[in-house]
Each structure stands twice: as structure tokens, then as C-alpha cells.
N, C-alpha and C. Protein backbone atom coordinates (compact mmCIF):
# COMPACT_ATOMS: atom_id res chain seq x y z
N LEU A 1 0.54 -0.91 -0.41
CA LEU A 1 -0.18 0.45 0.06
C LEU A 1 1.02 1.02 0.19
N ARG A 2 2.08 1.11 0.88
CA ARG A 2 2.89 2.18 0.87
C ARG A 2 3.83 2.80 -0.36
N GLU A 3 3.79 1.51 -0.92
CA GLU A 3 4.07 2.01 -2.15
C GLU A 3 3.46 2.69 -3.76
N ALA A 4 2.21 1.72 -3.58
CA ALA A 4 1.37 2.62 -4.35
C ALA A 4 0.68 4.32 -4.06
N LEU A 5 0.90 3.99 -2.85
CA LEU A 5 0.89 6.02 -2.52
C LEU A 5 1.89 6.64 -2.56
N ALA A 6 3.15 6.00 -2.52
CA ALA A 6 3.89 6.48 -3.45
C ALA A 6 3.89 6.93 -5.08
N ASN A 7 3.60 5.59 -5.63
CA ASN A 7 3.17 5.76 -7.53
C ASN A 7 2.19 7.18 -7.35
N ALA A 8 1.79 7.16 -6.33
CA ALA A 8 0.28 8.15 -6.24
C ALA A 8 0.92 9.64 -5.81
N ASP A 9 2.29 9.75 -5.80
CA ASP A 9 2.45 11.34 -5.74
C ASP A 9 2.79 11.66 -3.74
N ILE A 10 2.11 10.44 -3.20
CA ILE A 10 1.31 10.66 -2.11
C ILE A 10 2.96 10.84 -1.14
N PRO A 11 3.14 11.97 -0.40
CA PRO A 11 5.13 11.62 0.36
C PRO A 11 4.12 10.69 1.49
N GLN A 12 5.55 10.33 1.87
CA GLN A 12 6.00 9.10 2.79
C GLN A 12 5.46 10.11 4.57
N ASN A 13 5.16 10.93 4.56
CA ASN A 13 5.11 11.60 5.84
C ASN A 13 3.80 12.49 5.59
N ALA A 14 3.14 12.03 4.83
CA ALA A 14 1.40 12.28 4.94
C ALA A 14 0.72 11.17 5.62
N ILE A 15 1.86 9.75 5.54
CA ILE A 15 1.03 7.93 5.92
C ILE A 15 1.33 8.14 7.42
N ARG A 16 0.07 7.63 7.88
CA ARG A 16 0.52 7.61 9.61
C ARG A 16 -0.22 6.28 9.54
N THR A 17 0.78 5.00 10.64
CA THR A 17 -0.37 3.99 10.40
C THR A 17 -1.13 4.21 12.15
N GLN A 18 -2.50 4.00 11.76
CA GLN A 18 -3.45 4.43 13.11
C GLN A 18 -3.16 3.43 14.13
N GLU A 19 -3.77 2.27 12.94
CA GLU A 19 -4.15 1.17 13.90
C GLU A 19 -3.41 -0.03 13.59
N ILE A 20 -3.09 -1.22 14.20
CA ILE A 20 -2.36 -2.59 13.92
C ILE A 20 -3.25 -3.54 14.92
N GLY A 21 -3.72 -4.59 13.59
CA GLY A 21 -4.13 -5.12 14.67
C GLY A 21 -4.15 -6.75 14.22
N ASP A 22 -5.08 -7.72 14.97
CA ASP A 22 -5.24 -9.33 14.55
C ASP A 22 -5.90 -9.61 15.40
N TYR A 23 -7.26 -10.61 14.21
CA TYR A 23 -7.76 -11.25 14.26
C TYR A 23 -7.63 -12.47 13.43
N TRP A 24 -9.10 -13.82 14.31
CA TRP A 24 -9.27 -14.61 13.49
C TRP A 24 -10.65 -14.50 12.29
N ARG A 25 -9.74 -14.99 11.07
CA ARG A 25 -11.11 -15.02 10.17
C ARG A 25 -12.84 -15.87 10.54
N GLN A 26 -12.09 -17.13 11.14
CA GLN A 26 -13.02 -18.05 11.97
C GLN A 26 -12.34 -18.82 12.88
N GLN A 27 -13.00 -19.59 13.76
CA GLN A 27 -12.28 -20.11 14.74
C GLN A 27 -11.97 -21.06 14.28
N GLY A 28 -10.69 -21.48 14.64
CA GLY A 28 -9.26 -22.82 13.97
C GLY A 28 -9.27 -22.55 12.43
N GLN A 29 -9.82 -21.11 11.89
CA GLN A 29 -9.22 -20.47 10.48
C GLN A 29 -8.16 -19.76 10.82
N ASP A 30 -7.51 -19.01 9.58
CA ASP A 30 -6.06 -18.51 8.77
C ASP A 30 -6.56 -17.39 9.79
N PHE A 31 -5.70 -17.42 10.53
CA PHE A 31 -4.93 -15.41 11.70
C PHE A 31 -4.82 -14.63 10.43
N LEU A 32 -5.23 -13.78 10.85
CA LEU A 32 -4.88 -12.00 9.73
C LEU A 32 -4.49 -11.40 10.79
N VAL A 33 -4.21 -9.98 9.61
CA VAL A 33 -3.42 -8.91 10.70
C VAL A 33 -3.86 -7.91 9.87
N SER A 34 -4.64 -6.51 11.17
CA SER A 34 -5.22 -5.51 10.05
C SER A 34 -3.95 -4.44 10.23
N LYS A 35 -4.21 -3.32 9.80
CA LYS A 35 -4.31 -2.30 9.50
C LYS A 35 -4.48 -1.43 9.02
N LYS A 36 -4.39 0.16 10.21
CA LYS A 36 -5.20 0.94 9.46
C LYS A 36 -4.68 3.01 9.15
N PHE A 37 -4.58 2.47 8.07
CA PHE A 37 -3.90 3.84 7.91
C PHE A 37 -4.42 5.32 7.84
N ASP A 38 -3.50 6.43 8.04
CA ASP A 38 -4.61 7.48 7.98
C ASP A 38 -3.24 8.66 7.42
N ILE A 39 -4.49 8.98 6.26
CA ILE A 39 -4.11 9.66 5.01
C ILE A 39 -4.47 10.82 4.63
N THR A 40 -2.88 12.27 5.35
CA THR A 40 -3.54 13.76 4.30
C THR A 40 -3.18 13.44 3.63
N LEU A 41 -4.19 14.07 2.21
CA LEU A 41 -4.02 14.29 1.18
C LEU A 41 -4.19 15.93 0.90
N THR A 42 -3.73 17.07 0.21
CA THR A 42 -3.92 18.03 -0.44
C THR A 42 -4.75 18.15 -1.15
N ASP A 43 -5.30 17.13 -1.71
CA ASP A 43 -6.08 17.33 -3.27
C ASP A 43 -6.91 16.57 -3.67
N PHE A 44 -8.21 16.78 -3.71
CA PHE A 44 -9.17 15.78 -3.79
C PHE A 44 -8.37 15.03 -5.62
N ASN A 45 -7.46 14.61 -6.10
CA ASN A 45 -7.50 14.66 -7.26
C ASN A 45 -6.41 13.34 -6.56
N GLN A 46 -5.93 13.11 -5.40
CA GLN A 46 -5.01 12.03 -5.40
C GLN A 46 -5.34 11.23 -4.98
N ILE A 47 -7.23 11.08 -4.82
CA ILE A 47 -7.69 10.13 -3.80
C ILE A 47 -7.66 9.36 -5.56
N ASN A 48 -8.30 10.10 -6.66
CA ASN A 48 -8.44 8.84 -7.83
C ASN A 48 -6.99 8.80 -8.14
N GLY A 49 -5.79 9.41 -7.65
CA GLY A 49 -4.75 8.70 -7.71
C GLY A 49 -4.55 7.32 -7.39
N ILE A 50 -4.50 7.23 -6.02
CA ILE A 50 -4.75 6.68 -5.05
C ILE A 50 -5.85 5.11 -5.70
N VAL A 51 -6.93 5.43 -5.78
CA VAL A 51 -7.84 4.29 -6.15
C VAL A 51 -7.29 3.57 -7.77
N LYS A 52 -6.55 4.70 -8.41
CA LYS A 52 -6.32 3.80 -9.98
C LYS A 52 -5.57 3.51 -9.66
N ARG A 53 -3.94 2.91 -8.28
CA ARG A 53 -3.41 1.87 -8.29
C ARG A 53 -2.96 1.05 -7.09
N ILE A 54 -4.06 1.31 -6.56
CA ILE A 54 -3.79 -0.11 -4.72
C ILE A 54 -4.22 -1.18 -6.14
N ASP A 55 -4.03 -2.36 -4.81
CA ASP A 55 -4.07 -3.42 -5.51
C ASP A 55 -5.47 -3.26 -4.33
N THR A 56 -7.04 -3.94 -4.55
CA THR A 56 -7.55 -3.82 -3.71
C THR A 56 -7.54 -4.96 -2.80
N LYS A 57 -7.24 -6.07 -2.75
CA LYS A 57 -7.29 -7.36 -2.24
C LYS A 57 -7.03 -6.94 -0.98
N GLY A 58 -7.47 -7.86 -0.06
CA GLY A 58 -7.48 -7.85 1.11
C GLY A 58 -7.65 -5.86 1.49
N ILE A 59 -8.35 -5.50 1.05
CA ILE A 59 -8.81 -3.60 1.60
C ILE A 59 -10.03 -3.86 2.03
N ASN A 60 -10.10 -3.42 2.56
CA ASN A 60 -11.84 -3.54 3.02
C ASN A 60 -12.95 -2.65 3.13
N SER A 61 -12.27 -0.88 3.88
CA SER A 61 -12.29 0.29 3.37
C SER A 61 -11.91 1.40 2.69
N MET A 62 -12.42 1.81 2.11
CA MET A 62 -11.72 3.55 3.14
C MET A 62 -12.62 4.86 3.21
N ARG A 63 -12.68 5.18 3.64
CA ARG A 63 -13.09 7.02 4.47
C ARG A 63 -12.86 7.60 4.07
N ILE A 64 -13.81 8.94 3.78
CA ILE A 64 -13.06 10.69 4.25
C ILE A 64 -13.69 10.88 5.43
N GLY A 65 -12.63 10.79 5.99
CA GLY A 65 -12.70 11.62 7.96
C GLY A 65 -13.17 12.89 7.93
N GLU A 66 -12.29 13.68 6.65
CA GLU A 66 -12.73 15.47 6.76
C GLU A 66 -12.32 16.03 5.64
N LEU A 67 -12.83 17.14 5.29
CA LEU A 67 -13.09 17.59 3.89
C LEU A 67 -12.19 18.97 5.25
N GLU A 68 -11.72 20.46 4.34
CA GLU A 68 -11.55 21.12 5.07
C GLU A 68 -11.38 21.75 3.33
N ASN A 69 -11.51 23.25 3.47
CA ASN A 69 -11.55 24.04 2.04
C ASN A 69 -10.79 25.20 3.28
N LYS A 70 -9.57 25.85 2.99
CA LYS A 70 -8.97 27.69 3.23
C LYS A 70 -10.13 28.74 3.75
N ASP A 71 -11.15 28.67 2.96
CA ASP A 71 -12.20 30.23 3.16
C ASP A 71 -13.40 29.84 4.18
N MET A 72 -13.11 28.10 4.59
CA MET A 72 -14.29 27.94 5.62
C MET A 72 -14.82 28.82 6.81
N PHE A 73 -13.79 29.36 7.36
CA PHE A 73 -14.42 30.20 8.04
C PHE A 73 -15.08 31.69 7.34
N ALA A 74 -15.11 32.07 6.39
CA ALA A 74 -16.00 32.69 5.73
C ALA A 74 -17.39 31.60 5.60
N TYR A 75 -17.63 30.46 5.12
CA TYR A 75 -18.39 29.92 5.02
C TYR A 75 -18.99 29.24 6.21
N HIS A 76 -18.35 29.89 6.88
CA HIS A 76 -18.94 29.44 8.40
C HIS A 76 -20.06 30.77 9.07
N GLN A 77 -19.54 31.89 8.65
CA GLN A 77 -19.56 33.40 8.85
C GLN A 77 -21.49 33.48 8.05
N MET A 78 -21.13 33.29 6.58
CA MET A 78 -22.44 33.37 5.53
C MET A 78 -23.45 32.40 6.56
N GLY A 79 -23.14 30.94 6.56
CA GLY A 79 -23.78 29.96 6.65
C GLY A 79 -24.71 30.87 8.39
N LYS A 80 -24.23 31.12 9.05
CA LYS A 80 -24.92 31.77 9.83
C LYS A 80 -25.71 32.96 10.38
N ILE A 81 -25.15 33.52 9.11
CA ILE A 81 -26.00 34.56 9.16
C ILE A 81 -27.53 34.24 8.36
N GLU A 82 -26.98 33.89 7.22
CA GLU A 82 -28.35 32.80 6.94
C GLU A 82 -29.61 32.09 7.45
N ALA A 83 -29.01 31.82 8.44
CA ALA A 83 -29.75 30.93 9.22
C ALA A 83 -30.15 31.75 10.31
N LEU A 84 -29.82 32.83 10.59
CA LEU A 84 -30.47 34.07 11.48
C LEU A 84 -31.67 34.81 10.76
N LYS A 85 -31.08 35.21 9.23
CA LYS A 85 -31.81 36.00 8.22
C LYS A 85 -33.46 35.09 7.60
N ALA A 86 -33.43 33.43 7.91
CA ALA A 86 -33.85 32.60 7.97
C ALA A 86 -35.13 32.64 9.17
N ALA A 87 -34.83 32.45 10.01
CA ALA A 87 -35.34 32.60 11.87
C ALA A 87 -36.64 33.35 11.64
N GLN A 88 -35.90 35.10 11.04
CA GLN A 88 -36.13 36.09 10.88
C GLN A 88 -37.50 36.17 10.03
N ARG A 89 -37.09 35.31 8.76
CA ARG A 89 -38.55 35.80 8.04
C ARG A 89 -39.43 35.01 8.18
N LYS A 90 -39.21 33.51 8.98
CA LYS A 90 -40.18 32.07 9.24
C LYS A 90 -40.92 32.84 10.69
N ALA A 91 -40.23 33.86 12.09
CA ALA A 91 -40.86 34.61 12.66
C ALA A 91 -42.17 35.90 11.91
N THR A 92 -41.18 36.64 11.10
CA THR A 92 -42.08 37.57 10.53
C THR A 92 -43.72 36.97 9.82
N TYR A 93 -43.24 36.35 8.93
CA TYR A 93 -44.80 35.38 8.77
C TYR A 93 -45.07 34.68 9.59
N LEU A 94 -45.52 34.24 10.25
CA LEU A 94 -45.52 33.17 11.55
C LEU A 94 -46.65 34.15 12.22
N VAL A 95 -45.91 35.63 12.75
CA VAL A 95 -46.58 36.44 13.29
C VAL A 95 -47.37 37.16 13.10
N GLU A 96 -47.11 37.97 11.70
CA GLU A 96 -48.58 38.22 10.50
C GLU A 96 -49.60 37.24 11.13
N ALA A 97 -49.40 35.96 10.61
CA ALA A 97 -51.12 35.16 10.43
C ALA A 97 -51.34 35.80 11.80
N LEU A 98 -50.55 36.50 12.70
CA LEU A 98 -51.59 36.09 14.11
C LEU A 98 -52.10 37.87 14.25
N GLY A 99 -51.94 38.86 13.39
CA GLY A 99 -52.15 40.07 13.22
C GLY A 99 -51.37 41.21 13.86
N LYS A 100 -50.27 39.99 13.80
CA LYS A 100 -48.46 40.62 14.57
C LYS A 100 -47.81 41.22 14.43
N LYS A 101 -47.18 42.18 14.57
CA LYS A 101 -45.41 42.30 13.55
C LYS A 101 -44.36 42.07 14.57
N LEU A 102 -43.24 41.57 14.51
CA LEU A 102 -42.15 41.58 14.40
C LEU A 102 -41.10 42.67 14.82
N GLY A 103 -41.27 42.28 16.23
CA GLY A 103 -39.86 43.52 16.88
C GLY A 103 -38.85 42.90 16.89
N ASP A 104 -38.01 43.70 18.04
CA ASP A 104 -36.23 43.59 18.43
C ASP A 104 -36.43 42.00 18.86
N VAL A 105 -34.68 41.57 18.00
CA VAL A 105 -34.38 40.19 18.92
C VAL A 105 -34.19 40.36 20.18
N ILE A 106 -35.16 39.62 20.90
CA ILE A 106 -34.59 39.15 22.53
C ILE A 106 -33.45 37.93 22.29
N ARG A 107 -33.20 37.23 22.08
CA ARG A 107 -32.48 36.56 22.33
C ARG A 107 -32.47 35.33 21.19
N ILE A 108 -30.33 35.63 21.42
CA ILE A 108 -30.17 34.13 19.26
C ILE A 108 -29.65 32.90 19.89
N VAL A 109 -29.69 31.76 20.06
CA VAL A 109 -29.09 31.16 20.57
C VAL A 109 -28.87 29.75 19.60
N GLU A 110 -27.45 29.70 19.16
CA GLU A 110 -26.95 29.47 18.04
C GLU A 110 -26.77 27.86 18.28
N GLU A 111 -27.45 26.88 16.92
CA GLU A 111 -27.82 25.79 17.69
C GLU A 111 -25.90 24.86 16.90
N ARG A 112 -26.05 23.55 17.47
CA ARG A 112 -24.47 23.39 17.39
C ARG A 112 -24.77 22.71 15.59
N ASN A 113 -23.59 23.00 15.18
CA ASN A 113 -23.76 22.57 14.04
C ASN A 113 -23.55 21.24 13.60
N SER A 114 -24.59 20.31 11.87
CA SER A 114 -24.56 19.34 11.75
C SER A 114 -23.44 19.49 10.39
N ASN A 115 -22.46 18.73 10.67
CA ASN A 115 -21.42 18.49 8.58
C ASN A 115 -22.25 17.31 8.21
N ILE A 116 -22.77 17.46 6.84
CA ILE A 116 -22.96 16.44 6.45
C ILE A 116 -22.16 15.58 4.99
N PHE A 117 -20.94 15.17 5.08
CA PHE A 117 -20.41 15.12 3.77
C PHE A 117 -21.37 13.53 3.82
N PRO A 118 -22.05 13.35 2.54
CA PRO A 118 -22.45 12.23 1.90
C PRO A 118 -22.24 11.53 1.67
N PHE A 119 -20.61 11.10 1.63
CA PHE A 119 -19.46 10.09 1.39
C PHE A 119 -18.57 9.79 2.75
N ALA A 120 -18.66 10.25 3.24
CA ALA A 120 -18.02 10.01 4.16
C ALA A 120 -17.98 8.87 5.46
N GLN A 121 -19.33 8.64 5.61
CA GLN A 121 -19.51 7.83 6.25
C GLN A 121 -20.10 6.42 6.20
N SER A 122 -20.32 6.04 4.43
CA SER A 122 -19.64 4.73 4.15
C SER A 122 -18.63 4.54 3.46
N ASN A 123 -18.94 3.35 3.63
CA ASN A 123 -17.54 2.45 3.05
C ASN A 123 -17.67 3.33 1.80
N VAL A 124 -16.17 3.24 1.14
CA VAL A 124 -16.18 3.24 -0.11
C VAL A 124 -15.61 1.96 -0.89
N LEU A 125 -15.50 1.37 -1.68
CA LEU A 125 -14.81 0.10 -2.22
C LEU A 125 -14.44 0.36 -3.87
N SER A 126 -13.31 0.18 -4.29
CA SER A 126 -12.75 0.31 -5.42
C SER A 126 -13.98 0.36 -6.63
N SER A 127 -14.99 -0.22 -6.39
CA SER A 127 -16.10 -0.21 -7.93
C SER A 127 -16.99 1.44 -7.76
N ASP A 128 -16.80 1.88 -6.35
CA ASP A 128 -16.96 3.49 -5.95
C ASP A 128 -16.32 4.16 -6.38
N ALA A 129 -15.58 3.89 -7.79
CA ALA A 129 -14.08 4.97 -7.77
C ALA A 129 -14.77 5.94 -8.20
N ALA A 130 -15.40 5.37 -9.42
CA ALA A 130 -15.76 6.17 -10.21
C ALA A 130 -16.81 7.84 -10.04
N SER A 131 -17.46 7.14 -8.31
CA SER A 131 -18.58 8.94 -7.66
C SER A 131 -17.93 9.44 -6.87
N PHE A 132 -17.12 9.58 -6.94
CA PHE A 132 -15.86 10.37 -6.74
C PHE A 132 -15.88 11.77 -6.88
N ASP A 133 -16.59 11.56 -8.53
CA ASP A 133 -16.57 12.81 -9.29
C ASP A 133 -17.61 13.98 -8.88
N ASN A 134 -18.87 13.01 -7.85
CA ASN A 134 -19.82 13.07 -7.95
C ASN A 134 -20.08 14.52 -6.59
N PHE A 135 -18.89 14.00 -5.66
CA PHE A 135 -19.10 14.31 -4.42
C PHE A 135 -18.10 15.08 -3.95
N ARG A 136 -17.70 15.90 -4.17
CA ARG A 136 -16.37 17.29 -4.20
C ARG A 136 -17.09 18.00 -3.16
N THR A 137 -18.31 18.32 -2.86
CA THR A 137 -19.06 20.17 -1.99
C THR A 137 -19.06 19.24 -0.47
N ILE A 138 -18.53 19.86 0.01
CA ILE A 138 -18.61 19.70 1.19
C ILE A 138 -19.90 20.79 1.93
N LYS A 139 -21.20 20.28 2.28
CA LYS A 139 -22.28 21.02 3.33
C LYS A 139 -21.53 21.05 4.55
N LYS A 140 -22.49 22.10 4.59
CA LYS A 140 -22.75 22.64 5.65
C LYS A 140 -23.89 23.65 6.54
N SER A 141 -24.55 22.40 7.38
CA SER A 141 -26.17 23.04 7.75
C SER A 141 -25.99 23.93 9.49
N TYR A 142 -26.25 24.90 9.13
CA TYR A 142 -26.30 25.91 10.36
C TYR A 142 -28.11 25.67 10.75
N SER A 143 -28.37 26.29 12.46
CA SER A 143 -29.77 26.95 12.95
C SER A 143 -29.73 27.34 13.68
N MET A 144 -30.64 28.48 14.20
CA MET A 144 -30.22 29.70 15.12
C MET A 144 -31.81 29.32 15.96
N GLN A 145 -31.66 29.21 17.23
CA GLN A 145 -33.04 29.13 17.66
C GLN A 145 -33.65 31.07 17.76
N VAL A 146 -34.49 32.04 17.73
CA VAL A 146 -34.80 32.95 17.95
C VAL A 146 -35.55 32.68 18.28
N ARG A 147 -35.62 34.58 19.43
CA ARG A 147 -36.33 34.63 20.51
C ARG A 147 -36.73 36.27 19.82
N PHE A 148 -37.90 37.14 19.06
CA PHE A 148 -38.42 37.89 19.36
C PHE A 148 -39.17 38.48 19.99
N GLU A 149 -39.15 39.98 20.21
CA GLU A 149 -40.43 40.57 20.67
C GLU A 149 -41.85 40.47 19.75
N ILE A 150 -43.27 40.57 19.97
CA ILE A 150 -44.23 40.80 19.69
C ILE A 150 -44.90 41.97 19.60
N ILE A 151 -45.12 42.77 18.47
CA ILE A 151 -46.09 44.02 18.45
C ILE A 151 -47.03 43.65 18.28
N ASP A 152 -47.66 43.97 19.03
CA ASP A 152 -49.63 44.39 18.52
C ASP A 152 -50.29 45.02 17.78
């Protein structure tokens, strides 16, 4: 695997052995050794290079644990602002349905945001390699609890 990664231009200092273990295939059968690697990639296309070069015999799964973007802080800010605006829009039409008006903000509680990685939680086998091109978007979800004053 390390040789295939080197051929895919992955530097050795980007590869870390995460876990080594052993287990029995079935009671009284072959003894197997398992290894888990943590590989830091700088370009999504490196995944395509790895999948093309590795021999999948003996590989149980590949999982993308984390994706980052250098502009992530700005995206967080925009997402939070949009969540706050959406809360205000929703509160406005609900309050207007009661014949009242929306007043000032009383309280804002930022709920924990959840990351949505459509491919990160499932195992990726070699047969799924072509599907990587369809999943290069990092999706974030934001929600706010906002209390507004209600004006008669």
C-alpha cells in the first residue's frame, strides 16, 4: 500500500499508521493482521490517483474522515447569517398570521451545526471509485433559535 501511495505522489510523511491489530477469520481458520492508515491529502484528485494504483485485495474499506477548505471560516459566517435571516423570515410570516408585527431580537441561541458529508460515513470500495467526481462539495448545516419581541 505504501508503494502504491508513493506512486500516487503521496509523500511518506503524509501517511500515518493509525492502528495495527489481529483477528481470526473464523475459529480455527487463518490468522489475519489488520492495519489502519491515516493519510493526509492536499488535493481531492489524489484520491483518484490512489484508487487507480492500489490493489484492492485485502482492503476492506476507505473512508474520508474530514474535508477542509481554506475559506471555511467565511463560509461558517455566511451560513450563520443566513440561518439567522431565515429564522427572522419564518417568525415574520408566523406572527403576521396572528395579525401582529415582529419586534426586536430578544435572544439568539446558536445550535450546534452538523456536517453533512454524503460519502464520508459509508465505506468506499474500488467499484465506487468513479462516483468520487460527484461528491466534492462540503455541505454544512446551520440553525438558530431566535426569540423576537411580538408587537400588537
